[in-house]
PDB file of N, CA and C in Angstrom:
ATOM      1  N   MET A   1       0.859  -1.174   0.000  1.00  0.00           N
ATOM      2  CA  MET A   1       0.000   0.000   0.000  1.00  0.00           C
ATOM      3  C   MET A   1       0.904   1.236   0.000  1.00  0.00           C
ATOM      4  N   SER A   2       0.689   2.109  -0.940  1.00  0.00           N
ATOM      5  CA  SER A   2       1.552   3.279  -1.049  1.00  0.00           C
ATOM      6  C   SER A   2       1.358   4.214   0.143  1.00  0.00           C
ATOM      7  N   PRO A   3       2.379   4.980   0.456  1.00  0.00           N
ATOM      8  CA  PRO A   3       2.247   5.933   1.565  1.00  0.00           C
ATOM      9  C   PRO A   3       1.085   6.914   1.366  1.00  0.00           C
ATOM     10  N   GLU A   4       0.905   7.412   0.147  1.00  0.00           N
ATOM     11  CA  GLU A   4      -0.181   8.363  -0.108  1.00  0.00           C
ATOM     12  C   GLU A   4      -1.543   7.699   0.104  1.00  0.00           C
ATOM     13  N   LYS A   5      -1.689   6.464  -0.353  1.00  0.00           N
ATOM     14  CA  LYS A   5      -2.945   5.728  -0.147  1.00  0.00           C
ATOM     15  C   LYS A   5      -3.192   5.522   1.352  1.00  0.00           C
ATOM     16  N   GLN A   6      -2.134   5.207   2.106  1.00  0.00           N
ATOM     17  CA  GLN A   6      -2.279   5.040   3.553  1.00  0.00           C
ATOM     18  C   GLN A   6      -2.799   6.338   4.191  1.00  0.00           C
ATOM     19  N   ARG A   7      -2.213   7.456   3.798  1.00  0.00           N
ATOM     20  CA  ARG A   7      -2.637   8.751   4.357  1.00  0.00           C
ATOM     21  C   ARG A   7      -4.100   9.033   4.046  1.00  0.00           C
ATOM     22  N   ILE A   8      -4.521   8.731   2.835  1.00  0.00           N
ATOM     23  CA  ILE A   8      -5.910   8.993   2.442  1.00  0.00           C
ATOM     24  C   ILE A   8      -6.870   8.114   3.229  1.00  0.00           C
ATOM     25  N   VAL A   9      -6.565   6.837   3.342  1.00  0.00           N
ATOM     26  CA  VAL A   9      -7.461   5.910   4.054  1.00  0.00           C
ATOM     27  C   VAL A   9      -7.536   6.258   5.539  1.00  0.00           C
ATOM     28  N   ILE A  10      -6.402   6.601   6.138  1.00  0.00           N
ATOM     29  CA  ILE A  10      -6.420   7.011   7.553  1.00  0.00           C
ATOM     30  C   ILE A  10      -7.242   8.290   7.716  1.00  0.00           C
ATOM     31  N   ALA A  11      -7.073   9.230   6.817  1.00  0.00           N
ATOM     32  CA  ALA A  11      -7.840  10.480   6.884  1.00  0.00           C
ATOM     33  C   ALA A  11      -9.342  10.200   6.805  1.00  0.00           C
ATOM     34  N   GLU A  12      -9.730   9.357   5.866  1.00  0.00           N
ATOM     35  CA  GLU A  12     -11.152   9.027   5.733  1.00  0.00           C
ATOM     36  C   GLU A  12     -11.672   8.317   6.978  1.00  0.00           C
ATOM     37  N   ALA A  13     -10.865   7.426   7.557  1.00  0.00           N
ATOM     38  CA  ALA A  13     -11.264   6.737   8.782  1.00  0.00           C
ATOM     39  C   ALA A  13     -11.338   7.705   9.958  1.00  0.00           C
ATOM     40  N   SER A  14     -10.590   8.801   9.863  1.00  0.00           N
ATOM     41  CA  SER A  14     -10.580   9.816  10.920  1.00  0.00           C
ATOM     42  C   SER A  14     -11.582  10.936  10.631  1.00  0.00           C
ATOM     43  N   GLU A  15     -12.473  10.682   9.681  1.00  0.00           N
ATOM     44  CA  GLU A  15     -13.581  11.566   9.325  1.00  0.00           C
ATOM     45  C   GLU A  15     -13.171  12.858   8.624  1.00  0.00           C
ATOM     46  N   TRP A  16     -12.042  12.822   7.918  1.00  0.00           N
ATOM     47  CA  TRP A  16     -11.715  13.909   7.024  1.00  0.00           C
ATOM     48  C   TRP A  16     -12.524  13.681   5.750  1.00  0.00           C
ATOM     49  N   THR A  17     -12.849  14.739   5.046  1.00  0.00           N
ATOM     50  CA  THR A  17     -13.658  14.646   3.843  1.00  0.00           C
ATOM     51  C   THR A  17     -12.899  15.236   2.661  1.00  0.00           C
ATOM     52  N   TYR A  18     -12.859  14.473   1.565  1.00  0.00           N
ATOM     53  CA  TYR A  18     -12.249  14.998   0.351  1.00  0.00           C
ATOM     54  C   TYR A  18     -13.272  15.917  -0.294  1.00  0.00           C
ATOM     55  N   GLU A  19     -12.990  17.201  -0.225  1.00  0.00           N
ATOM     56  CA  GLU A  19     -13.918  18.209  -0.715  1.00  0.00           C
ATOM     57  C   GLU A  19     -13.099  19.442  -1.102  1.00  0.00           C
ATOM     58  N   PRO A  20     -12.490  19.409  -2.288  1.00  0.00           N
ATOM     59  CA  PRO A  20     -11.608  20.511  -2.680  1.00  0.00           C
ATOM     60  C   PRO A  20     -12.289  21.878  -2.568  1.00  0.00           C
ATOM     61  N   GLU A  21     -11.549  22.816  -2.014  1.00  0.00           N
ATOM     62  CA  GLU A  21     -12.053  24.177  -1.827  1.00  0.00           C
ATOM     63  C   GLU A  21     -10.911  25.155  -2.101  1.00  0.00           C
ATOM     64  N   GLU A  22     -11.223  26.206  -2.859  1.00  0.00           N
ATOM     65  CA  GLU A  22     -10.210  27.220  -3.118  1.00  0.00           C
ATOM     66  C   GLU A  22     -10.273  28.279  -2.021  1.00  0.00           C
ATOM     67  N   VAL A  23      -9.127  28.504  -1.400  1.00  0.00           N
ATOM     68  CA  VAL A  23      -9.030  29.510  -0.345  1.00  0.00           C
ATOM     69  C   VAL A  23      -7.879  30.436  -0.711  1.00  0.00           C
ATOM     70  N   CYS A  24      -8.182  31.685  -0.964  1.00  0.00           N
ATOM     71  CA  CYS A  24      -7.169  32.683  -1.333  1.00  0.00           C
ATOM     72  C   CYS A  24      -6.312  32.220  -2.513  1.00  0.00           C
ATOM     73  N   GLY A  25      -6.935  31.622  -3.504  1.00  0.00           N
ATOM     74  CA  GLY A  25      -6.230  31.197  -4.706  1.00  0.00           C
ATOM     75  C   GLY A  25      -5.512  29.867  -4.594  1.00  0.00           C
ATOM     76  N   VAL A  26      -5.574  29.224  -3.428  1.00  0.00           N
ATOM     77  CA  VAL A  26      -4.938  27.922  -3.231  1.00  0.00           C
ATOM     78  C   VAL A  26      -6.039  26.887  -3.016  1.00  0.00           C
ATOM     79  N   ILE A  27      -5.905  25.742  -3.697  1.00  0.00           N
ATOM     80  CA  ILE A  27      -6.911  24.690  -3.541  1.00  0.00           C
ATOM     81  C   ILE A  27      -6.470  23.740  -2.427  1.00  0.00           C
ATOM     82  N   TYR A  28      -7.298  23.654  -1.407  1.00  0.00           N
ATOM     83  CA  TYR A  28      -7.078  22.722  -0.300  1.00  0.00           C
ATOM     84  C   TYR A  28      -8.074  21.579  -0.471  1.00  0.00           C
ATOM     85  N   PRO A  29      -7.570  20.359  -0.599  1.00  0.00           N
ATOM     86  CA  PRO A  29      -8.465  19.265  -0.949  1.00  0.00           C
ATOM     87  C   PRO A  29      -9.246  18.631   0.196  1.00  0.00           C
ATOM     88  N   TRP A  30      -8.836  18.844   1.449  1.00  0.00           N
ATOM     89  CA  TRP A  30      -9.444  18.098   2.546  1.00  0.00           C
ATOM     90  C   TRP A  30     -10.100  19.004   3.576  1.00  0.00           C
ATOM     91  N   LEU A  31     -11.313  18.636   3.963  1.00  0.00           N
ATOM     92  CA  LEU A  31     -12.037  19.309   5.039  1.00  0.00           C
ATOM     93  C   LEU A  31     -11.733  18.536   6.310  1.00  0.00           C
ATOM     94  N   SER A  32     -11.262  19.223   7.337  1.00  0.00           N
ATOM     95  CA  SER A  32     -10.832  18.554   8.570  1.00  0.00           C
ATOM     96  C   SER A  32     -11.971  17.802   9.241  1.00  0.00           C
ATOM     97  N   GLU A  33     -11.590  16.899  10.163  1.00  0.00           N
ATOM     98  CA  GLU A  33     -12.585  16.076  10.855  1.00  0.00           C
ATOM     99  C   GLU A  33     -13.579  16.920  11.630  1.00  0.00           C
ATOM    100  N   SER A  34     -13.162  18.083  12.079  1.00  0.00           N
ATOM    101  CA  SER A  34     -14.074  18.962  12.809  1.00  0.00           C
ATOM    102  C   SER A  34     -15.000  19.719  11.852  1.00  0.00           C
ATOM    103  N   GLY A  35     -14.655  19.709  10.568  1.00  0.00           N
ATOM    104  CA  GLY A  35     -15.484  20.368   9.565  1.00  0.00           C
ATOM    105  C   GLY A  35     -15.343  21.876   9.552  1.00  0.00           C
ATOM    106  N   ASP A  36     -14.323  22.396  10.236  1.00  0.00           N
ATOM    107  CA  ASP A  36     -14.210  23.843  10.320  1.00  0.00           C
ATOM    108  C   ASP A  36     -13.071  24.444   9.501  1.00  0.00           C
ATOM    109  N   SER A  37     -12.280  23.612   8.826  1.00  0.00           N
ATOM    110  CA  SER A  37     -11.198  24.182   8.028  1.00  0.00           C
ATOM    111  C   SER A  37     -10.774  23.238   6.909  1.00  0.00           C
ATOM    112  N   TYR A  38     -10.278  23.851   5.837  1.00  0.00           N
ATOM    113  CA  TYR A  38      -9.713  23.103   4.721  1.00  0.00           C
ATOM    114  C   TYR A  38      -8.207  23.130   4.875  1.00  0.00           C
ATOM    115  N   GLN A  39      -7.575  21.994   4.628  1.00  0.00           N
ATOM    116  CA  GLN A  39      -6.128  21.931   4.779  1.00  0.00           C
ATOM    117  C   GLN A  39      -5.559  20.692   4.122  1.00  0.00           C
ATOM    118  N   GLU A  40      -4.252  20.586   4.177  1.00  0.00           N
ATOM    119  CA  GLU A  40      -3.571  19.382   3.707  1.00  0.00           C
ATOM    120  C   GLU A  40      -3.736  18.305   4.781  1.00  0.00           C
ATOM    121  N   LEU A  41      -3.571  17.055   4.369  1.00  0.00           N
ATOM    122  CA  LEU A  41      -3.676  15.954   5.337  1.00  0.00           C
ATOM    123  C   LEU A  41      -2.509  15.974   6.321  1.00  0.00           C
ATOM    124  N   PRO A  42      -2.761  15.518   7.548  1.00  0.00           N
ATOM    125  CA  PRO A  42      -1.663  15.380   8.504  1.00  0.00           C
ATOM    126  C   PRO A  42      -0.646  14.346   8.007  1.00  0.00           C
ATOM    127  N   ASP A  43       0.553  14.416   8.523  1.00  0.00           N
ATOM    128  CA  ASP A  43       1.624  13.492   8.153  1.00  0.00           C
ATOM    129  C   ASP A  43       1.528  12.238   9.024  1.00  0.00           C
ATOM    130  N   TYR A  44       0.549  11.409   8.748  1.00  0.00           N
ATOM    131  CA  TYR A  44       0.303  10.215   9.559  1.00  0.00           C
ATOM    132  C   TYR A  44       1.487   9.257   9.593  1.00  0.00           C
ATOM    133  N   LEU A  45       2.292   9.244   8.547  1.00  0.00           N
ATOM    134  CA  LEU A  45       3.395   8.291   8.480  1.00  0.00           C
ATOM    135  C   LEU A  45       4.717   8.860   8.988  1.00  0.00           C
ATOM    136  N   GLY A  46       4.705  10.103   9.428  1.00  0.00           N
ATOM    137  CA  GLY A  46       5.942  10.702   9.880  1.00  0.00           C
ATOM    138  C   GLY A  46       5.858  11.467  11.188  1.00  0.00           C
ATOM    139  N   ASP A  47       4.671  11.553  11.771  1.00  0.00           N
ATOM    140  CA  ASP A  47       4.491  12.373  12.965  1.00  0.00           C
ATOM    141  C   ASP A  47       3.729  11.586  14.027  1.00  0.00           C
ATOM    142  N   LEU A  48       4.402  11.282  15.127  1.00  0.00           N
ATOM    143  CA  LEU A  48       3.766  10.501  16.193  1.00  0.00           C
ATOM    144  C   LEU A  48       2.578  11.219  16.819  1.00  0.00           C
ATOM    145  N   ASN A  49       2.557  12.547  16.788  1.00  0.00           N
ATOM    146  CA  ASN A  49       1.407  13.273  17.328  1.00  0.00           C
ATOM    147  C   ASN A  49       0.145  12.995  16.529  1.00  0.00           C
ATOM    148  N   THR A  50       0.286  12.885  15.206  1.00  0.00           N
ATOM    149  CA  THR A  50      -0.893  12.577  14.403  1.00  0.00           C
ATOM    150  C   THR A  50      -1.331  11.130  14.627  1.00  0.00           C
ATOM    151  N   CYS A  51      -0.370  10.254  14.915  1.00  0.00           N
ATOM    152  CA  CYS A  51      -0.721   8.865  15.241  1.00  0.00           C
ATOM    153  C   CYS A  51      -1.576   8.836  16.500  1.00  0.00           C
ATOM    154  N   HIS A  52      -1.211   9.654  17.469  1.00  0.00           N
ATOM    155  CA  HIS A  52      -1.966   9.707  18.714  1.00  0.00           C
ATOM    156  C   HIS A  52      -3.431  10.063  18.436  1.00  0.00           C
ATOM    157  N   GLU A  53      -3.651  10.934  17.466  1.00  0.00           N
ATOM    158  CA  GLU A  53      -5.017  11.329  17.128  1.00  0.00           C
ATOM    159  C   GLU A  53      -5.823  10.156  16.582  1.00  0.00           C
ATOM    160  N   PHE A  54      -5.246   9.357  15.659  1.00  0.00           N
ATOM    161  CA  PHE A  54      -6.036   8.225  15.149  1.00  0.00           C
ATOM    162  C   PHE A  54      -6.127   7.107  16.169  1.00  0.00           C
ATOM    163  N   GLU A  55      -5.149   6.984  17.050  1.00  0.00           N
ATOM    164  CA  GLU A  55      -5.215   5.962  18.098  1.00  0.00           C
ATOM    165  C   GLU A  55      -6.394   6.223  19.047  1.00  0.00           C
ATOM    166  N   LYS A  56      -6.719   7.491  19.264  1.00  0.00           N
ATOM    167  CA  LYS A  56      -7.828   7.830  20.162  1.00  0.00           C
ATOM    168  C   LYS A  56      -9.184   7.394  19.615  1.00  0.00           C
ATOM    169  N   THR A  57      -9.261   7.091  18.325  1.00  0.00           N
ATOM    170  CA  THR A  57     -10.536   6.693  17.729  1.00  0.00           C
ATOM    171  C   THR A  57     -10.838   5.209  17.916  1.00  0.00           C
ATOM    172  N   LEU A  58      -9.869   4.432  18.390  1.00  0.00           N
ATOM    173  CA  LEU A  58     -10.047   2.977  18.507  1.00  0.00           C
ATOM    174  C   LEU A  58     -10.872   2.600  19.736  1.00  0.00           C
ATOM    175  N   SER A  59     -11.715   1.598  19.557  1.00  0.00           N
ATOM    176  CA  SER A  59     -12.471   1.053  20.681  1.00  0.00           C
ATOM    177  C   SER A  59     -11.529   0.198  21.538  1.00  0.00           C
ATOM    178  N   GLU A  60     -11.986  -0.215  22.703  1.00  0.00           N
ATOM    179  CA  GLU A  60     -11.149  -1.048  23.570  1.00  0.00           C
ATOM    180  C   GLU A  60     -10.777  -2.357  22.870  1.00  0.00           C
ATOM    181  N   GLU A  61     -11.723  -2.962  22.173  1.00  0.00           N
ATOM    182  CA  GLU A  61     -11.446  -4.202  21.443  1.00  0.00           C
ATOM    183  C   GLU A  61     -10.426  -3.961  20.330  1.00  0.00           C
ATOM    184  N   GLN A  62     -10.579  -2.857  19.624  1.00  0.00           N
ATOM    185  CA  GLN A  62      -9.648  -2.533  18.552  1.00  0.00           C
ATOM    186  C   GLN A  62      -8.250  -2.238  19.094  1.00  0.00           C
ATOM    187  N   LYS A  63      -8.164  -1.671  20.285  1.00  0.00           N
ATOM    188  CA  LYS A  63      -6.853  -1.366  20.864  1.00  0.00           C
ATOM    189  C   LYS A  63      -6.032  -2.628  21.076  1.00  0.00           C
ATOM    190  N   LEU A  64      -6.677  -3.735  21.426  1.00  0.00           N
ATOM    191  CA  LEU A  64      -5.963  -5.008  21.588  1.00  0.00           C
ATOM    192  C   LEU A  64      -5.409  -5.490  20.253  1.00  0.00           C
ATOM    193  N   LYS A  65      -6.221  -5.405  19.197  1.00  0.00           N
ATOM    194  CA  LYS A  65      -5.754  -5.791  17.867  1.00  0.00           C
ATOM    195  C   LYS A  65      -4.628  -4.873  17.408  1.00  0.00           C
ATOM    196  N   TYR A  66      -4.791  -3.604  17.659  1.00  0.00           N
ATOM    197  CA  TYR A  66      -3.782  -2.610  17.271  1.00  0.00           C
ATOM    198  C   TYR A  66      -2.446  -2.921  17.940  1.00  0.00           C
ATOM    199  N   TYR A  67      -2.486  -3.209  19.218  1.00  0.00           N
ATOM    200  CA  TYR A  67      -1.271  -3.555  19.953  1.00  0.00           C
ATOM    201  C   TYR A  67      -0.607  -4.788  19.332  1.00  0.00           C
ATOM    202  N   HIS A  68      -1.427  -5.775  18.990  1.00  0.00           N
ATOM    203  CA  HIS A  68      -0.896  -6.984  18.339  1.00  0.00           C
ATOM    204  C   HIS A  68      -0.178  -6.618  17.042  1.00  0.00           C
ATOM    205  N   TYR A  69      -0.822  -5.805  16.214  1.00  0.00           N
ATOM    206  CA  TYR A  69      -0.216  -5.445  14.929  1.00  0.00           C
ATOM    207  C   TYR A  69       1.048  -4.601  15.102  1.00  0.00           C
ATOM    208  N   ILE A  70       1.116  -3.776  16.136  1.00  0.00           N
ATOM    209  CA  ILE A  70       2.347  -3.040  16.407  1.00  0.00           C
ATOM    210  C   ILE A  70       3.452  -4.022  16.789  1.00  0.00           C
ATOM    211  N   CYS A  71       3.122  -5.002  17.627  1.00  0.00           N
ATOM    212  CA  CYS A  71       4.116  -6.022  18.004  1.00  0.00           C
ATOM    213  C   CYS A  71       4.645  -6.733  16.766  1.00  0.00           C
ATOM    214  N   VAL A  72       3.750  -7.109  15.860  1.00  0.00           N
ATOM    215  CA  VAL A  72       4.153  -7.787  14.629  1.00  0.00           C
ATOM    216  C   VAL A  72       5.079  -6.884  13.812  1.00  0.00           C
ATOM    217  N   ALA A  73       4.733  -5.603  13.685  1.00  0.00           N
ATOM    218  CA  ALA A  73       5.548  -4.674  12.891  1.00  0.00           C
ATOM    219  C   ALA A  73       6.936  -4.493  13.504  1.00  0.00           C
ATOM    220  N   VAL A  74       6.999  -4.371  14.824  1.00  0.00           N
ATOM    221  CA  VAL A  74       8.295  -4.184  15.485  1.00  0.00           C
ATOM    222  C   VAL A  74       9.147  -5.437  15.352  1.00  0.00           C
ATOM    223  N   ARG A  75       8.532  -6.602  15.515  1.00  0.00           N
ATOM    224  CA  ARG A  75       9.285  -7.849  15.357  1.00  0.00           C
ATOM    225  C   ARG A  75       9.812  -7.991  13.934  1.00  0.00           C
ATOM    226  N   LYS A  76       8.965  -7.665  12.959  1.00  0.00           N
ATOM    227  CA  LYS A  76       9.369  -7.748  11.557  1.00  0.00           C
ATOM    228  C   LYS A  76      10.540  -6.799  11.295  1.00  0.00           C
ATOM    229  N   GLU A  77      10.456  -5.598  11.813  1.00  0.00           N
ATOM    230  CA  GLU A  77      11.525  -4.610  11.645  1.00  0.00           C
ATOM    231  C   GLU A  77      12.835  -5.104  12.260  1.00  0.00           C
ATOM    232  N   ASN A  78      12.738  -5.851  13.356  1.00  0.00           N
ATOM    233  CA  ASN A  78      13.923  -6.381  14.034  1.00  0.00           C
ATOM    234  C   ASN A  78      14.359  -7.731  13.479  1.00  0.00           C
ATOM    235  N   GLY A  79      13.686  -8.193  12.408  1.00  0.00           N
ATOM    236  CA  GLY A  79      14.044  -9.457  11.787  1.00  0.00           C
ATOM    237  C   GLY A  79      13.656 -10.674  12.605  1.00  0.00           C
ATOM    238  N   GLN A  80      12.635 -10.550  13.429  1.00  0.00           N
ATOM    239  CA  GLN A  80      12.189 -11.656  14.273  1.00  0.00           C
ATOM    240  C   GLN A  80      10.865 -12.209  13.756  1.00  0.00           C
ATOM    241  N   SER A  81      10.634 -13.488  14.059  1.00  0.00           N
ATOM    242  CA  SER A  81       9.333 -14.068  13.737  1.00  0.00           C
ATOM    243  C   SER A  81       8.345 -13.636  14.812  1.00  0.00           C
ATOM    244  N   ASP A  82       7.068 -13.928  14.605  1.00  0.00           N
ATOM    245  CA  ASP A  82       6.041 -13.559  15.573  1.00  0.00           C
ATOM    246  C   ASP A  82       6.260 -14.177  16.943  1.00  0.00           C
ATOM    247  N   HIS A  83       6.930 -15.306  17.001  1.00  0.00           N
ATOM    248  CA  HIS A  83       7.068 -16.012  18.271  1.00  0.00           C
ATOM    249  C   HIS A  83       8.501 -16.004  18.802  1.00  0.00           C
ATOM    250  N   GLU A  84       9.371 -15.265  18.145  1.00  0.00           N
ATOM    251  CA  GLU A  84      10.790 -15.354  18.466  1.00  0.00           C
ATOM    252  C   GLU A  84      11.178 -14.678  19.779  1.00  0.00           C
ATOM    253  N   SER A  85      10.528 -13.589  20.126  1.00  0.00           N
ATOM    254  CA  SER A  85      10.943 -12.870  21.326  1.00  0.00           C
ATOM    255  C   SER A  85       9.742 -12.479  22.167  1.00  0.00           C
ATOM    256  N   ILE A  86       9.735 -12.915  23.400  1.00  0.00           N
ATOM    257  CA  ILE A  86       8.640 -12.500  24.289  1.00  0.00           C
ATOM    258  C   ILE A  86       8.832 -11.062  24.744  1.00  0.00           C
ATOM    259  N   TYR A  87      10.019 -10.496  24.500  1.00  0.00           N
ATOM    260  CA  TYR A  87      10.292  -9.129  24.922  1.00  0.00           C
ATOM    261  C   TYR A  87       9.946  -8.083  23.867  1.00  0.00           C
ATOM    262  N   ALA A  88       9.576  -8.503  22.681  1.00  0.00           N
ATOM    263  CA  ALA A  88       9.249  -7.545  21.619  1.00  0.00           C
ATOM    264  C   ALA A  88       8.166  -6.553  22.047  1.00  0.00           C
ATOM    265  N   PRO A  89       7.139  -6.972  22.807  1.00  0.00           N
ATOM    266  CA  PRO A  89       6.139  -5.985  23.211  1.00  0.00           C
ATOM    267  C   PRO A  89       6.723  -4.818  24.009  1.00  0.00           C
ATOM    268  N   LEU A  90       7.814  -5.052  24.701  1.00  0.00           N
ATOM    269  CA  LEU A  90       8.421  -3.966  25.453  1.00  0.00           C
ATOM    270  C   LEU A  90       8.941  -2.874  24.535  1.00  0.00           C
ATOM    271  N   HIS A  91       9.242  -3.226  23.301  1.00  0.00           N
ATOM    272  CA  HIS A  91       9.793  -2.271  22.346  1.00  0.00           C
ATOM    273  C   HIS A  91       8.718  -1.542  21.546  1.00  0.00           C
ATOM    274  N   THR A  92       7.462  -1.862  21.768  1.00  0.00           N
ATOM    275  CA  THR A  92       6.407  -1.230  20.982  1.00  0.00           C
ATOM    276  C   THR A  92       6.287   0.259  21.273  1.00  0.00           C
ATOM    277  N   THR A  93       6.776   0.705  22.417  1.00  0.00           N
ATOM    278  CA  THR A  93       6.735   2.136  22.701  1.00  0.00           C
ATOM    279  C   THR A  93       7.613   2.914  21.733  1.00  0.00           C
ATOM    280  N   HIS A  94       8.522   2.212  21.072  1.00  0.00           N
ATOM    281  CA  HIS A  94       9.405   2.852  20.104  1.00  0.00           C
ATOM    282  C   HIS A  94       8.941   2.630  18.663  1.00  0.00           C
ATOM    283  N   ALA A  95       7.723   2.148  18.483  1.00  0.00           N
ATOM    284  CA  ALA A  95       7.200   1.928  17.132  1.00  0.00           C
ATOM    285  C   ALA A  95       7.153   3.267  16.392  1.00  0.00           C
ATOM    286  N   THR A  96       7.561   3.233  15.150  1.00  0.00           N
ATOM    287  CA  THR A  96       7.571   4.447  14.334  1.00  0.00           C
ATOM    288  C   THR A  96       6.156   4.827  13.908  1.00  0.00           C
ATOM    289  N   ALA A  97       6.019   6.034  13.412  1.00  0.00           N
ATOM    290  CA  ALA A  97       4.725   6.477  12.900  1.00  0.00           C
ATOM    291  C   ALA A  97       4.278   5.594  11.739  1.00  0.00           C
ATOM    292  N   THR A  98       5.211   5.188  10.893  1.00  0.00           N
ATOM    293  CA  THR A  98       4.879   4.318   9.765  1.00  0.00           C
ATOM    294  C   THR A  98       4.357   2.972  10.255  1.00  0.00           C
ATOM    295  N   GLN A  99       4.993   2.404  11.271  1.00  0.00           N
ATOM    296  CA  GLN A  99       4.538   1.131  11.833  1.00  0.00           C
ATOM    297  C   GLN A  99       3.164   1.286  12.477  1.00  0.00           C
ATOM    298  N   ARG A 100       2.948   2.386  13.162  1.00  0.00           N
ATOM    299  CA  ARG A 100       1.650   2.626  13.804  1.00  0.00           C
ATOM    300  C   ARG A 100       0.550   2.813  12.762  1.00  0.00           C
ATOM    301  N   ALA A 101       0.870   3.499  11.667  1.00  0.00           N
ATOM    302  CA  ALA A 101      -0.114   3.695  10.608  1.00  0.00           C
ATOM    303  C   ALA A 101      -0.524   2.353   9.998  1.00  0.00           C
ATOM    304  N   GLU A 102       0.456   1.502   9.730  1.00  0.00           N
ATOM    305  CA  GLU A 102       0.133   0.178   9.189  1.00  0.00           C
ATOM    306  C   GLU A 102      -0.703  -0.625  10.184  1.00  0.00           C
ATOM    307  N   ALA A 103      -0.323  -0.596  11.446  1.00  0.00           N
ATOM    308  CA  ALA A 103      -1.072  -1.327  12.474  1.00  0.00           C
ATOM    309  C   ALA A 103      -2.506  -0.818  12.555  1.00  0.00           C
ATOM    310  N   PHE A 104      -2.684   0.500  12.462  1.00  0.00           N
ATOM    311  CA  PHE A 104      -4.025   1.078  12.504  1.00  0.00           C
ATOM    312  C   PHE A 104      -4.859   0.595  11.322  1.00  0.00           C
ATOM    313  N   LEU A 105      -4.273   0.644  10.132  1.00  0.00           N
ATOM    314  CA  LEU A 105      -5.005   0.215   8.939  1.00  0.00           C
ATOM    315  C   LEU A 105      -5.347  -1.268   8.992  1.00  0.00           C
ATOM    316  N   ARG A 106      -4.448  -2.076   9.510  1.00  0.00           N
ATOM    317  CA  ARG A 106      -4.748  -3.507   9.664  1.00  0.00           C
ATOM    318  C   ARG A 106      -5.875  -3.701  10.678  1.00  0.00           C
ATOM    319  N   THR A 107      -5.833  -2.940  11.749  1.00  0.00           N
ATOM    320  CA  THR A 107      -6.847  -3.046  12.805  1.00  0.00           C
ATOM    321  C   THR A 107      -8.234  -2.745  12.281  1.00  0.00           C
ATOM    322  N   ILE A 108      -8.355  -1.713  11.452  1.00  0.00           N
ATOM    323  CA  ILE A 108      -9.680  -1.331  10.954  1.00  0.00           C
ATOM    324  C   ILE A 108     -10.046  -2.059   9.659  1.00  0.00           C
ATOM    325  N   GLY A 109      -9.184  -2.992   9.235  1.00  0.00           N
ATOM    326  CA  GLY A 109      -9.482  -3.807   8.051  1.00  0.00           C
ATOM    327  C   GLY A 109      -9.313  -3.089   6.726  1.00  0.00           C
ATOM    328  N   LYS A 110      -8.464  -2.065   6.687  1.00  0.00           N
ATOM    329  CA  LYS A 110      -8.285  -1.284   5.459  1.00  0.00           C
ATOM    330  C   LYS A 110      -6.903  -1.452   4.824  1.00  0.00           C
ATOM    331  N   TRP A 111      -6.054  -2.290   5.404  1.00  0.00           N
ATOM    332  CA  TRP A 111      -4.710  -2.477   4.851  1.00  0.00           C
ATOM    333  C   TRP A 111      -4.796  -3.265   3.554  1.00  0.00           C
ATOM    334  N   GLU A 112      -4.035  -2.830   2.555  1.00  0.00           N
ATOM    335  CA  GLU A 112      -3.936  -3.550   1.287  1.00  0.00           C
ATOM    336  C   GLU A 112      -2.485  -3.927   1.070  1.00  0.00           C
ATOM    337  N   GLU A 113      -2.238  -5.194   0.804  1.00  0.00           N
ATOM    338  CA  GLU A 113      -0.873  -5.649   0.547  1.00  0.00           C
ATOM    339  C   GLU A 113      -0.361  -5.060  -0.747  1.00  0.00           C
ATOM    340  N   SER A 114       0.908  -4.664  -0.765  1.00  0.00           N
ATOM    341  CA  SER A 114       1.521  -4.165  -1.991  1.00  0.00           C
ATOM    342  C   SER A 114       1.698  -5.286  -2.983  1.00  0.00           C
ATOM    343  N   GLU A 115       1.646  -4.946  -4.240  1.00  0.00           N
ATOM    344  CA  GLU A 115       1.794  -5.968  -5.273  1.00  0.00           C
ATOM    345  C   GLU A 115       3.217  -6.242  -5.598  1.00  0.00           C
TER     346      GLU A 115
END
């Protein structure tokens, strides 16, 4: 799944609306989740603060799945199998924004494997 596609799907899941609007001669394509401003999408794959925003939308059940997917991403990044290290969950606090974005998309069932 391309980074741009990930950003769009996360934005839509976070209730952003694709609704191009010209403001002072500049076209802003996205209406924010609050519906009060047009702007560019947040940097979901590069900014942990924006990850925190989409993490707040998860239900308690989804948070368990999300945690699992973060563990999988961190283990994969460290070259470990899913069962190789019982300590991998301790490292999830250091998961990157990109890893968190993938985990979020997997949690909500919107992840698409790259071809």
